[in-house]
N, C-alpha and C. Protein backbone atom coordinates (compact mmCIF):
# COMPACT_ATOMS: atom_id res chain seq x y z
N MET A 1 0.85 -1.17 0.00
CA MET A 1 0.00 0.00 0.00
C MET A 1 0.89 1.23 0.00
N ARG A 2 0.56 2.15 -0.80
CA ARG A 2 1.35 3.36 -0.92
C ARG A 2 0.59 4.54 -0.34
N ILE A 3 1.28 5.36 0.41
CA ILE A 3 0.66 6.53 1.02
C ILE A 3 1.33 7.76 0.45
N TYR A 4 0.53 8.67 -0.02
CA TYR A 4 1.04 9.90 -0.60
C TYR A 4 0.70 11.08 0.30
N GLY A 5 1.66 11.93 0.53
CA GLY A 5 1.41 13.19 1.22
C GLY A 5 1.05 13.02 2.68
N PRO A 6 0.82 14.13 3.38
CA PRO A 6 0.55 14.07 4.81
C PRO A 6 -0.80 13.48 5.16
N ASN A 7 -1.81 13.60 4.30
CA ASN A 7 -3.12 13.05 4.65
C ASN A 7 -3.40 11.74 3.93
N GLY A 8 -2.49 11.25 3.13
CA GLY A 8 -2.62 9.96 2.50
C GLY A 8 -3.48 9.93 1.27
N THR A 9 -3.98 11.05 0.75
CA THR A 9 -4.87 11.00 -0.39
C THR A 9 -4.26 11.59 -1.67
N THR A 10 -3.32 12.46 -1.53
CA THR A 10 -2.74 13.09 -2.72
C THR A 10 -1.23 12.96 -2.68
N PRO A 11 -0.60 12.97 -3.84
CA PRO A 11 0.86 12.93 -3.83
C PRO A 11 1.41 14.19 -3.17
N GLY A 12 2.51 14.02 -2.45
CA GLY A 12 3.11 15.15 -1.75
C GLY A 12 3.73 16.14 -2.71
N THR A 13 3.70 17.37 -2.34
CA THR A 13 4.32 18.40 -3.17
C THR A 13 5.65 18.76 -2.55
N GLN A 14 6.58 19.12 -3.39
CA GLN A 14 7.88 19.49 -2.88
C GLN A 14 7.82 20.92 -2.35
N ALA A 15 8.58 21.13 -1.29
CA ALA A 15 8.63 22.46 -0.69
C ALA A 15 9.37 23.41 -1.63
N PRO A 16 8.92 24.66 -1.71
CA PRO A 16 9.63 25.59 -2.59
C PRO A 16 11.05 25.78 -2.09
N SER A 17 11.96 25.87 -3.05
CA SER A 17 13.36 26.03 -2.67
C SER A 17 13.58 27.43 -2.10
N ALA A 18 14.60 27.54 -1.28
CA ALA A 18 14.88 28.82 -0.63
C ALA A 18 15.31 29.85 -1.67
N ARG A 19 14.78 31.02 -1.56
CA ARG A 19 15.13 32.10 -2.48
C ARG A 19 16.05 33.07 -1.77
N ARG A 20 17.00 33.54 -2.48
CA ARG A 20 17.95 34.48 -1.90
C ARG A 20 17.66 35.87 -2.44
N THR A 21 17.81 36.82 -1.56
CA THR A 21 17.61 38.20 -1.98
C THR A 21 18.92 38.75 -2.49
N GLY A 22 18.88 39.89 -3.08
CA GLY A 22 20.05 40.48 -3.72
C GLY A 22 21.09 41.00 -2.75
N GLY A 23 20.80 41.15 -1.48
CA GLY A 23 21.76 41.74 -0.53
C GLY A 23 22.87 40.77 -0.19
N SER A 24 24.09 41.27 -0.07
CA SER A 24 25.20 40.42 0.27
C SER A 24 25.80 40.80 1.61
N GLU A 25 25.11 41.64 2.37
CA GLU A 25 25.63 42.07 3.66
C GLU A 25 25.22 41.10 4.75
N PHE A 26 26.09 40.96 5.71
CA PHE A 26 25.79 40.13 6.88
C PHE A 26 25.43 41.03 8.04
N SER A 27 24.34 40.70 8.73
CA SER A 27 23.96 41.50 9.90
C SER A 27 23.37 40.58 10.96
N LEU A 28 23.59 40.93 12.21
CA LEU A 28 23.04 40.18 13.33
C LEU A 28 21.65 40.71 13.65
N PRO A 29 20.76 39.84 14.08
CA PRO A 29 19.42 40.31 14.44
C PRO A 29 19.46 41.16 15.70
N ASP A 30 18.48 42.03 15.82
CA ASP A 30 18.37 42.91 16.99
C ASP A 30 17.93 42.07 18.19
N PRO A 31 18.69 42.04 19.30
CA PRO A 31 18.31 41.21 20.46
C PRO A 31 16.96 41.60 21.05
N ALA A 32 16.59 42.86 21.05
CA ALA A 32 15.31 43.29 21.62
C ALA A 32 14.15 42.72 20.80
N ALA A 33 14.27 42.73 19.49
CA ALA A 33 13.22 42.20 18.62
C ALA A 33 13.09 40.69 18.80
N THR A 34 14.21 40.01 19.01
CA THR A 34 14.19 38.57 19.19
C THR A 34 13.48 38.20 20.49
N MET A 35 13.74 38.93 21.56
CA MET A 35 13.11 38.64 22.84
C MET A 35 11.61 38.87 22.78
N GLU A 36 11.17 39.91 22.06
CA GLU A 36 9.74 40.19 21.95
C GLU A 36 9.04 39.09 21.18
N SER A 37 9.64 38.60 20.10
CA SER A 37 9.00 37.57 19.30
C SER A 37 8.97 36.25 20.05
N ARG A 38 9.97 35.97 20.87
CA ARG A 38 9.96 34.73 21.65
C ARG A 38 8.90 34.78 22.74
N ALA A 39 8.68 35.92 23.33
CA ALA A 39 7.69 36.02 24.39
C ALA A 39 6.28 35.85 23.85
N ALA A 40 6.05 36.24 22.60
CA ALA A 40 4.71 36.17 22.04
C ALA A 40 4.36 34.77 21.56
N ALA A 41 5.34 33.95 21.26
CA ALA A 41 5.07 32.62 20.73
C ALA A 41 4.67 31.67 21.86
N ALA A 42 3.67 30.85 21.59
CA ALA A 42 3.22 29.87 22.57
C ALA A 42 4.17 28.68 22.56
N PRO A 43 4.42 28.08 23.71
CA PRO A 43 5.32 26.93 23.74
C PRO A 43 4.68 25.73 23.06
N LYS A 44 5.51 24.95 22.38
CA LYS A 44 5.03 23.75 21.70
C LYS A 44 5.34 22.53 22.55
N ALA A 45 4.41 21.61 22.57
CA ALA A 45 4.65 20.36 23.29
C ALA A 45 5.53 19.47 22.43
N PRO A 46 6.51 18.86 23.01
CA PRO A 46 7.38 17.99 22.21
C PRO A 46 6.62 16.79 21.69
N ALA A 47 7.00 16.31 20.54
CA ALA A 47 6.33 15.17 19.91
C ALA A 47 6.55 13.89 20.71
N THR A 48 7.60 13.83 21.50
CA THR A 48 7.86 12.62 22.27
C THR A 48 6.82 12.42 23.36
N ILE A 49 6.22 13.47 23.86
CA ILE A 49 5.16 13.34 24.88
C ILE A 49 3.98 12.61 24.26
N ASP A 50 3.62 12.95 23.03
CA ASP A 50 2.52 12.26 22.36
C ASP A 50 2.83 10.77 22.21
N ALA A 51 4.07 10.48 21.89
CA ALA A 51 4.46 9.08 21.74
C ALA A 51 4.37 8.34 23.07
N LEU A 52 4.80 8.99 24.15
CA LEU A 52 4.72 8.36 25.47
C LEU A 52 3.27 8.12 25.89
N LEU A 53 2.42 9.09 25.62
CA LEU A 53 1.01 8.93 25.97
C LEU A 53 0.38 7.81 25.15
N ALA A 54 0.77 7.69 23.91
CA ALA A 54 0.24 6.61 23.07
C ALA A 54 0.70 5.25 23.59
N LEU A 55 1.94 5.17 24.05
CA LEU A 55 2.45 3.91 24.57
C LEU A 55 1.75 3.51 25.87
N GLN A 56 1.34 4.47 26.66
CA GLN A 56 0.65 4.15 27.90
C GLN A 56 -0.71 3.51 27.62
N GLY A 57 -1.31 3.85 26.51
CA GLY A 57 -2.60 3.28 26.17
C GLY A 57 -2.51 1.89 25.60
N VAL A 58 -1.32 1.44 25.24
CA VAL A 58 -1.15 0.12 24.64
C VAL A 58 -1.20 -0.92 25.75
N GLU A 59 -2.01 -1.93 25.54
CA GLU A 59 -2.14 -3.00 26.52
C GLU A 59 -0.91 -3.88 26.49
N ASP A 60 -0.62 -4.47 27.65
CA ASP A 60 0.47 -5.43 27.74
C ASP A 60 0.07 -6.71 27.03
N ASP A 61 1.02 -7.59 26.89
CA ASP A 61 0.70 -8.86 26.26
C ASP A 61 -0.17 -9.69 27.20
N PRO A 62 -0.88 -10.67 26.69
CA PRO A 62 -1.82 -11.45 27.51
C PRO A 62 -1.16 -12.16 28.69
N ALA A 63 0.09 -12.56 28.55
CA ALA A 63 0.76 -13.24 29.66
C ALA A 63 0.95 -12.30 30.84
N GLU A 64 1.27 -11.03 30.57
CA GLU A 64 1.43 -10.05 31.65
C GLU A 64 0.10 -9.75 32.32
N ARG A 65 -0.98 -9.62 31.53
CA ARG A 65 -2.30 -9.37 32.12
C ARG A 65 -2.72 -10.53 33.00
N ARG A 66 -2.46 -11.75 32.53
CA ARG A 66 -2.82 -12.94 33.29
C ARG A 66 -2.03 -12.98 34.59
N LYS A 67 -0.74 -12.66 34.51
CA LYS A 67 0.11 -12.68 35.70
C LYS A 67 -0.38 -11.67 36.74
N ARG A 68 -0.73 -10.46 36.29
CA ARG A 68 -1.24 -9.45 37.22
C ARG A 68 -2.57 -9.88 37.83
N SER A 69 -3.43 -10.51 37.02
CA SER A 69 -4.73 -10.96 37.52
C SER A 69 -4.55 -12.05 38.58
N VAL A 70 -3.61 -12.96 38.36
CA VAL A 70 -3.34 -14.00 39.35
C VAL A 70 -2.84 -13.37 40.64
N GLN A 71 -1.98 -12.37 40.54
CA GLN A 71 -1.48 -11.69 41.75
C GLN A 71 -2.60 -10.99 42.50
N ARG A 72 -3.52 -10.35 41.76
CA ARG A 72 -4.65 -9.69 42.43
C ARG A 72 -5.55 -10.70 43.11
N GLY A 73 -5.78 -11.85 42.46
CA GLY A 73 -6.59 -12.90 43.06
C GLY A 73 -5.97 -13.46 44.33
N ARG A 74 -4.66 -13.70 44.28
CA ARG A 74 -3.95 -14.20 45.46
C ARG A 74 -3.99 -13.17 46.59
N GLY A 75 -3.84 -11.92 46.24
CA GLY A 75 -3.90 -10.85 47.25
C GLY A 75 -5.26 -10.81 47.93
N ALA A 76 -6.32 -10.97 47.13
CA ALA A 76 -7.68 -10.96 47.69
C ALA A 76 -7.88 -12.16 48.62
N LEU A 77 -7.35 -13.32 48.21
CA LEU A 77 -7.47 -14.51 49.07
C LEU A 77 -6.69 -14.33 50.37
N ASP A 78 -5.55 -13.67 50.30
CA ASP A 78 -4.77 -13.39 51.51
C ASP A 78 -5.55 -12.50 52.47
N VAL A 79 -6.22 -11.49 51.94
CA VAL A 79 -7.01 -10.59 52.79
C VAL A 79 -8.19 -11.35 53.40
N LEU A 80 -8.80 -12.24 52.61
CA LEU A 80 -9.89 -13.06 53.16
C LEU A 80 -9.38 -13.96 54.30
N ASP A 81 -8.18 -14.51 54.14
CA ASP A 81 -7.60 -15.33 55.21
C ASP A 81 -7.34 -14.48 56.46
N ASP A 82 -6.83 -13.27 56.26
CA ASP A 82 -6.59 -12.37 57.40
C ASP A 82 -7.90 -12.06 58.13
N LEU A 83 -8.96 -11.87 57.35
CA LEU A 83 -10.27 -11.60 57.95
C LEU A 83 -10.74 -12.80 58.76
N LYS A 84 -10.58 -13.99 58.19
CA LYS A 84 -11.00 -15.22 58.88
C LYS A 84 -10.24 -15.39 60.20
N ILE A 85 -8.93 -15.20 60.14
CA ILE A 85 -8.11 -15.33 61.35
C ILE A 85 -8.51 -14.28 62.39
N GLY A 86 -8.77 -13.06 61.93
CA GLY A 86 -9.17 -12.00 62.84
C GLY A 86 -10.52 -12.28 63.50
N LEU A 87 -11.46 -12.81 62.73
CA LEU A 87 -12.78 -13.13 63.28
C LEU A 87 -12.70 -14.30 64.26
N LEU A 88 -11.91 -15.32 63.93
CA LEU A 88 -11.78 -16.48 64.82
C LEU A 88 -11.06 -16.14 66.13
N SER A 89 -10.13 -15.20 66.05
CA SER A 89 -9.39 -14.83 67.26
C SER A 89 -10.10 -13.73 68.04
N GLY A 90 -11.14 -13.15 67.49
CA GLY A 90 -11.89 -12.10 68.17
C GLY A 90 -11.28 -10.72 67.99
N ASN A 91 -10.33 -10.59 67.10
CA ASN A 91 -9.68 -9.30 66.84
C ASN A 91 -10.08 -8.79 65.46
N PHE A 92 -11.33 -8.35 65.34
CA PHE A 92 -11.79 -7.82 64.07
C PHE A 92 -11.16 -6.45 63.85
N ASP A 93 -10.43 -6.29 62.75
CA ASP A 93 -9.70 -5.06 62.47
C ASP A 93 -10.38 -4.31 61.32
N ALA A 94 -10.62 -3.02 61.51
CA ALA A 94 -11.27 -2.22 60.48
C ALA A 94 -10.38 -2.05 59.26
N SER A 95 -9.07 -2.13 59.43
CA SER A 95 -8.17 -2.00 58.28
C SER A 95 -8.32 -3.17 57.32
N THR A 96 -8.73 -4.33 57.84
CA THR A 96 -8.97 -5.48 56.97
C THR A 96 -10.14 -5.22 56.04
N VAL A 97 -11.15 -4.53 56.53
CA VAL A 97 -12.31 -4.19 55.69
C VAL A 97 -11.88 -3.23 54.58
N ILE A 98 -11.01 -2.30 54.90
CA ILE A 98 -10.51 -1.37 53.89
C ILE A 98 -9.71 -2.13 52.83
N ARG A 99 -8.89 -3.09 53.30
CA ARG A 99 -8.13 -3.90 52.35
C ARG A 99 -9.05 -4.76 51.50
N LEU A 100 -10.16 -5.22 52.06
CA LEU A 100 -11.14 -5.99 51.29
C LEU A 100 -11.77 -5.14 50.19
N ARG A 101 -12.11 -3.90 50.54
CA ARG A 101 -12.67 -2.99 49.53
C ARG A 101 -11.69 -2.77 48.38
N THR A 102 -10.44 -2.57 48.72
CA THR A 102 -9.41 -2.36 47.70
C THR A 102 -9.27 -3.61 46.83
N ALA A 103 -9.26 -4.77 47.46
CA ALA A 103 -9.14 -6.02 46.71
C ALA A 103 -10.33 -6.21 45.77
N ALA A 104 -11.53 -5.86 46.24
CA ALA A 104 -12.72 -6.00 45.39
C ALA A 104 -12.64 -5.09 44.18
N ALA A 105 -12.13 -3.88 44.37
CA ALA A 105 -12.01 -2.95 43.24
C ALA A 105 -10.98 -3.43 42.24
N GLU A 106 -9.91 -4.06 42.72
CA GLU A 106 -8.87 -4.54 41.80
C GLU A 106 -9.31 -5.76 41.01
N LEU A 107 -10.25 -6.52 41.53
CA LEU A 107 -10.68 -7.74 40.85
C LEU A 107 -11.63 -7.47 39.68
N LYS A 108 -12.03 -6.25 39.48
CA LYS A 108 -13.00 -5.91 38.43
C LYS A 108 -12.42 -6.04 37.02
N SER A 109 -11.11 -5.87 36.86
CA SER A 109 -10.53 -5.88 35.51
C SER A 109 -10.42 -7.30 34.97
N SER A 110 -10.47 -7.42 33.66
CA SER A 110 -10.44 -8.70 32.98
C SER A 110 -9.01 -9.12 32.69
N SER A 111 -8.77 -10.44 32.75
CA SER A 111 -7.44 -10.96 32.47
C SER A 111 -7.31 -11.42 31.03
N GLY A 112 -8.42 -11.64 30.35
CA GLY A 112 -8.40 -12.13 28.98
C GLY A 112 -8.52 -13.65 28.90
N ASP A 113 -8.43 -14.33 30.03
CA ASP A 113 -8.57 -15.78 30.10
C ASP A 113 -9.92 -16.09 30.75
N ALA A 114 -10.79 -16.79 30.03
CA ALA A 114 -12.15 -17.02 30.51
C ALA A 114 -12.16 -17.82 31.82
N GLY A 115 -11.33 -18.85 31.93
CA GLY A 115 -11.29 -19.66 33.15
C GLY A 115 -10.80 -18.86 34.34
N LEU A 116 -9.76 -18.10 34.14
CA LEU A 116 -9.22 -17.26 35.23
C LEU A 116 -10.22 -16.19 35.62
N ASP A 117 -10.89 -15.62 34.63
CA ASP A 117 -11.91 -14.60 34.94
C ASP A 117 -13.05 -15.19 35.77
N ALA A 118 -13.41 -16.44 35.52
CA ALA A 118 -14.47 -17.08 36.30
C ALA A 118 -14.03 -17.27 37.75
N VAL A 119 -12.79 -17.70 37.95
CA VAL A 119 -12.28 -17.88 39.32
C VAL A 119 -12.21 -16.53 40.03
N LEU A 120 -11.74 -15.51 39.33
CA LEU A 120 -11.65 -14.18 39.93
C LEU A 120 -13.03 -13.64 40.27
N ALA A 121 -14.03 -13.97 39.45
CA ALA A 121 -15.40 -13.53 39.74
C ALA A 121 -15.92 -14.19 41.02
N GLU A 122 -15.55 -15.46 41.24
CA GLU A 122 -15.96 -16.14 42.47
C GLU A 122 -15.26 -15.54 43.68
N ILE A 123 -13.98 -15.20 43.53
CA ILE A 123 -13.26 -14.56 44.63
C ILE A 123 -13.88 -13.20 44.93
N GLU A 124 -14.21 -12.47 43.86
CA GLU A 124 -14.83 -11.15 44.04
C GLU A 124 -16.17 -11.28 44.76
N LEU A 125 -16.95 -12.28 44.40
CA LEU A 125 -18.24 -12.50 45.07
C LEU A 125 -18.04 -12.79 46.56
N ARG A 126 -17.05 -13.60 46.88
CA ARG A 126 -16.77 -13.91 48.30
C ARG A 126 -16.35 -12.65 49.06
N VAL A 127 -15.53 -11.82 48.41
CA VAL A 127 -15.10 -10.56 49.04
C VAL A 127 -16.30 -9.66 49.28
N GLU A 128 -17.19 -9.56 48.30
CA GLU A 128 -18.38 -8.71 48.45
C GLU A 128 -19.31 -9.23 49.54
N VAL A 129 -19.41 -10.57 49.67
CA VAL A 129 -20.24 -11.15 50.73
C VAL A 129 -19.67 -10.78 52.10
N GLU A 130 -18.35 -10.88 52.23
CA GLU A 130 -17.72 -10.55 53.51
C GLU A 130 -17.87 -9.06 53.82
N LEU A 131 -17.79 -8.23 52.80
CA LEU A 131 -18.01 -6.80 53.01
C LEU A 131 -19.45 -6.52 53.47
N ALA A 132 -20.39 -7.26 52.86
CA ALA A 132 -21.78 -7.07 53.25
C ALA A 132 -22.01 -7.53 54.69
N LYS A 133 -21.35 -8.61 55.07
CA LYS A 133 -21.47 -9.08 56.45
C LYS A 133 -20.92 -8.06 57.43
N ALA A 134 -19.85 -7.39 57.02
CA ALA A 134 -19.24 -6.40 57.89
C ALA A 134 -20.03 -5.08 57.89
N GLY A 135 -21.05 -5.01 57.01
CA GLY A 135 -21.87 -3.80 56.95
C GLY A 135 -21.19 -2.65 56.24
N GLN A 136 -20.23 -2.97 55.42
CA GLN A 136 -19.47 -1.94 54.75
C GLN A 136 -19.72 -1.89 53.25
N PHE A 137 -20.64 -2.66 52.74
CA PHE A 137 -20.85 -2.68 51.29
C PHE A 137 -22.18 -2.13 50.92
């Protein structure tokens, strides 16, 4: 596929060549005029910022998403275990409820693997049930 010009629809035109005027004298620009013109011009954002922002929007490969999802699931199970131990020992801690809320919010994202997503949905349901029992959901 061939692309012509900046918008891809027409062949590009060549830029006009530089024209020289008849004067052969060399002169330096006036510093006061240069400072005034620089102050009036708006700053331009570098093109590399656009590239960095575009890269942030690119999803990781499926293996990385799956790995992060497994870590979030394990983290949620760890918080559920901490809650169980706290309830059995009679030391119910309010910070565990906060950690449960955080774990529930993290489990909302998809991993891309249907089986893993089903397991994560069950973990999320258990976390939400425990939050409801604690009266915090």
